[in-house]
Amino acid sequence: MIHFAAFLLIALLTLAGGLAAALLRNLVHCALSLTVTFAGLALFYLDLDAQFVGFSQILVYIGAVAILVVFAILLTRNASAPVDLNYSGGWRLGLVVSAAIFAVLGWAILKTPFVTPTSPAPQITVRQIGQALMGPMVLPLEIVAVLLTVALIGAVIVAMPEAKDAVKGGSQ
């Protein structure tokens, strides 16, 4: 019963964060709501005893991606001005399409037979994952780190104001 209550609380938190990220008008609040959604997903992973995936979700998505999004928004836009949204007439069609997709996915889930696994799940430890990341997977890991660093530097360069021409202003 306590496990089900925890699941419902995490589900409500995740859904509320996702809805707030989609519906709020202030872009910074949307980004922070997305961070709440990422935290809810991490709690789902931790609830399912997938500690490595849960803590990776916290480190990568909350600690890097969400903070990078917030910094990019704050560097490139005026965060205090709410964004005026102009809704087109096609939102009704989007609602119908999303309801149809939801219905098809729900039907597919309900018609899928439940199969219990015959072989036990592999027992992989965090140490084995760490050795794989620091062994044969170290090059892709470093490439991702460099890519995120280049993206942050690019966001800062794009957000910097244009420097006034010092030669032109100084000679007149």
Protein backbone atom coordinates (compact mmCIF):
# COMPACT_ATOMS: atom_id res chain seq x y z
CA MET A 1 0.00 0.00 0.00
CA ILE A 2 2.83 2.40 0.83
CA HIS A 3 4.57 1.49 -2.42
CA PHE A 4 1.41 2.29 -4.39
CA ALA A 5 1.00 5.61 -2.57
CA ALA A 6 4.62 6.50 -3.36
CA PHE A 7 4.02 5.59 -7.01
CA LEU A 8 0.93 7.81 -7.16
CA LEU A 9 2.76 10.72 -5.55
CA ILE A 10 5.68 10.41 -7.98
CA ALA A 11 3.28 10.07 -10.92
CA LEU A 12 1.38 13.21 -9.88
CA LEU A 13 4.64 15.13 -9.46
CA THR A 14 5.90 14.03 -12.87
CA LEU A 15 2.61 14.77 -14.63
CA ALA A 16 2.28 18.16 -12.95
CA GLY A 17 5.83 19.07 -13.97
CA GLY A 18 5.21 17.97 -17.56
CA LEU A 19 1.93 19.87 -17.81
CA ALA A 20 3.48 22.98 -16.29
CA ALA A 21 6.39 22.75 -18.75
CA ALA A 22 3.94 22.63 -21.63
CA LEU A 23 1.40 25.20 -20.42
CA LEU A 24 3.23 27.96 -18.51
CA ARG A 25 3.86 31.22 -20.34
CA ASN A 26 7.15 32.19 -18.70
CA LEU A 27 9.98 30.33 -20.44
CA VAL A 28 12.16 30.09 -17.31
CA HIS A 29 9.26 28.58 -15.37
CA CYS A 30 8.77 26.06 -18.19
CA ALA A 31 12.43 25.04 -17.99
CA LEU A 32 12.25 24.67 -14.22
CA SER A 33 9.07 22.60 -14.57
CA LEU A 34 10.92 20.37 -17.01
CA THR A 35 13.53 19.90 -14.29
CA VAL A 36 10.76 18.76 -11.92
CA THR A 37 9.65 16.26 -14.57
CA PHE A 38 13.21 14.94 -14.88
CA ALA A 39 13.33 14.57 -11.08
CA GLY A 40 10.07 12.61 -11.15
CA LEU A 41 11.48 10.26 -13.77
CA ALA A 42 14.59 9.78 -11.65
CA LEU A 43 12.37 8.91 -8.69
CA PHE A 44 10.58 6.32 -10.85
CA TYR A 45 13.91 4.70 -11.68
CA LEU A 46 14.94 4.70 -8.02
CA ASP A 47 11.57 3.24 -7.07
CA LEU A 48 12.16 0.42 -9.57
CA ASP A 49 15.55 -0.37 -7.94
CA ALA A 50 17.49 0.95 -10.92
CA GLN A 51 19.84 3.08 -8.84
CA PHE A 52 22.45 3.65 -11.53
CA VAL A 53 19.89 4.83 -14.08
CA GLY A 54 18.14 7.00 -11.48
CA PHE A 55 21.31 8.72 -10.35
CA SER A 56 22.46 9.08 -13.96
CA GLN A 57 19.13 10.77 -14.68
CA ILE A 58 19.79 13.17 -11.83
CA LEU A 59 23.37 13.90 -12.85
CA VAL A 60 22.88 14.13 -16.61
CA TYR A 61 19.40 15.54 -17.08
CA ILE A 62 18.94 17.63 -13.95
CA GLY A 63 22.57 18.47 -13.36
CA ALA A 64 23.56 19.20 -16.93
CA VAL A 65 20.79 19.39 -19.52
CA ALA A 66 18.19 21.28 -17.47
CA ILE A 67 20.74 23.73 -16.09
CA LEU A 68 22.13 24.23 -19.60
CA VAL A 69 18.62 24.99 -20.87
CA VAL A 70 18.03 27.50 -18.06
CA PHE A 71 21.36 29.22 -18.72
CA ALA A 72 20.69 29.32 -22.46
CA ILE A 73 17.29 30.90 -21.87
CA LEU A 74 18.67 33.43 -19.42
CA LEU A 75 21.56 34.33 -21.72
CA THR A 76 19.54 34.70 -24.91
CA ARG A 77 16.19 36.11 -23.82
CA ASN A 78 14.67 38.53 -21.42
CA ALA A 79 13.50 36.17 -18.70
CA SER A 80 11.12 38.63 -17.03
CA ALA A 81 8.91 39.21 -20.09
CA PRO A 82 6.24 36.58 -20.56
CA VAL A 83 5.99 35.12 -24.02
CA ASP A 84 2.78 35.93 -25.88
CA LEU A 85 1.56 32.76 -27.50
CA ASN A 86 -0.53 32.90 -30.63
CA TYR A 87 -2.50 29.72 -31.02
CA SER A 88 -3.31 28.70 -34.54
CA GLY A 89 -6.55 27.11 -35.57
CA GLY A 90 -4.83 23.73 -35.95
CA TRP A 91 -4.84 22.93 -32.23
CA ARG A 92 -8.08 20.99 -32.60
CA LEU A 93 -6.48 18.76 -35.23
CA GLY A 94 -3.48 18.27 -32.94
CA LEU A 95 -5.80 17.27 -30.12
CA VAL A 96 -7.56 14.71 -32.36
CA VAL A 97 -4.24 13.28 -33.60
CA SER A 98 -2.83 13.01 -30.07
CA ALA A 99 -6.02 11.31 -28.85
CA ALA A 100 -5.81 8.84 -31.75
CA ILE A 101 -2.17 8.06 -30.99
CA PHE A 102 -3.00 7.61 -27.30
CA ALA A 103 -5.86 5.24 -28.22
CA VAL A 104 -3.65 3.15 -30.54
CA LEU A 105 -0.88 2.92 -27.95
CA GLY A 106 -3.38 2.00 -25.23
CA TRP A 107 -4.91 -0.68 -27.46
CA ALA A 108 -1.44 -2.08 -28.24
CA ILE A 109 -0.54 -2.23 -24.55
CA LEU A 110 -3.79 -3.95 -23.61
CA LYS A 111 -3.50 -6.53 -26.43
CA THR A 112 0.13 -7.41 -25.68
CA PRO A 113 0.34 -10.70 -23.79
CA PHE A 114 2.11 -10.57 -20.47
CA VAL A 115 5.15 -12.86 -20.61
CA THR A 116 7.24 -13.75 -17.60
CA PRO A 117 10.93 -14.00 -18.35
CA THR A 118 12.29 -17.53 -18.31
CA SER A 119 15.88 -16.59 -17.62
CA PRO A 120 16.93 -14.42 -14.70
CA ALA A 121 17.91 -10.81 -15.37
CA PRO A 122 21.66 -10.27 -15.67
CA GLN A 123 23.26 -9.03 -12.49
CA ILE A 124 25.32 -6.02 -13.53
CA THR A 125 26.91 -3.97 -10.81
CA VAL A 126 27.70 -0.28 -10.77
CA ARG A 127 31.39 -1.22 -10.68
CA GLN A 128 31.05 -3.11 -13.98
CA ILE A 129 29.29 -0.14 -15.57
CA GLY A 130 31.97 2.22 -14.30
CA GLN A 131 34.73 -0.03 -15.63
CA ALA A 132 32.99 -0.14 -19.02
CA LEU A 133 32.65 3.67 -19.07
CA MET A 134 36.29 4.18 -18.14
CA GLY A 135 37.51 1.33 -20.38
CA PRO A 136 36.21 0.68 -23.87
CA MET A 137 33.55 3.44 -23.72
CA VAL A 138 35.83 6.26 -22.58
CA LEU A 139 36.10 7.82 -26.07
CA PRO A 140 32.31 8.22 -26.58
CA LEU A 141 32.02 9.54 -23.02
CA GLU A 142 34.69 12.18 -23.66
CA ILE A 143 33.11 13.11 -27.02
CA VAL A 144 29.78 13.76 -25.28
CA ALA A 145 31.55 15.88 -22.64
CA VAL A 146 33.32 17.95 -25.32
CA LEU A 147 30.05 18.31 -27.27
CA LEU A 148 28.22 19.66 -24.21
CA THR A 149 31.09 22.05 -23.48
CA VAL A 150 31.10 23.33 -27.08
CA ALA A 151 27.32 23.81 -26.92
CA LEU A 152 27.63 25.88 -23.74
CA ILE A 153 30.44 28.00 -25.21
CA GLY A 154 28.40 28.48 -28.38
CA ALA A 155 25.39 29.62 -26.35
CA VAL A 156 27.54 32.15 -24.51
CA ILE A 157 29.02 33.47 -27.77
CA VAL A 158 25.59 33.80 -29.38
CA ALA A 159 24.24 35.58 -26.30
CA MET A 160 27.10 38.10 -26.00
CA PRO A 161 26.18 41.58 -27.20
CA GLU A 162 27.88 42.83 -30.35
CA ALA A 163 31.05 44.72 -29.52
CA LYS A 164 31.03 48.29 -30.82
CA ASP A 165 33.63 49.00 -33.42
CA ALA A 166 36.43 50.57 -31.35
CA VAL A 167 38.37 51.78 -34.41
CA LYS A 168 35.38 53.53 -35.91
CA GLY A 169 34.30 55.18 -32.64
CA GLY A 170 37.85 56.17 -31.61
CA SER A 171 38.86 57.81 -34.91
CA GLN A 172 35.96 60.28 -35.06
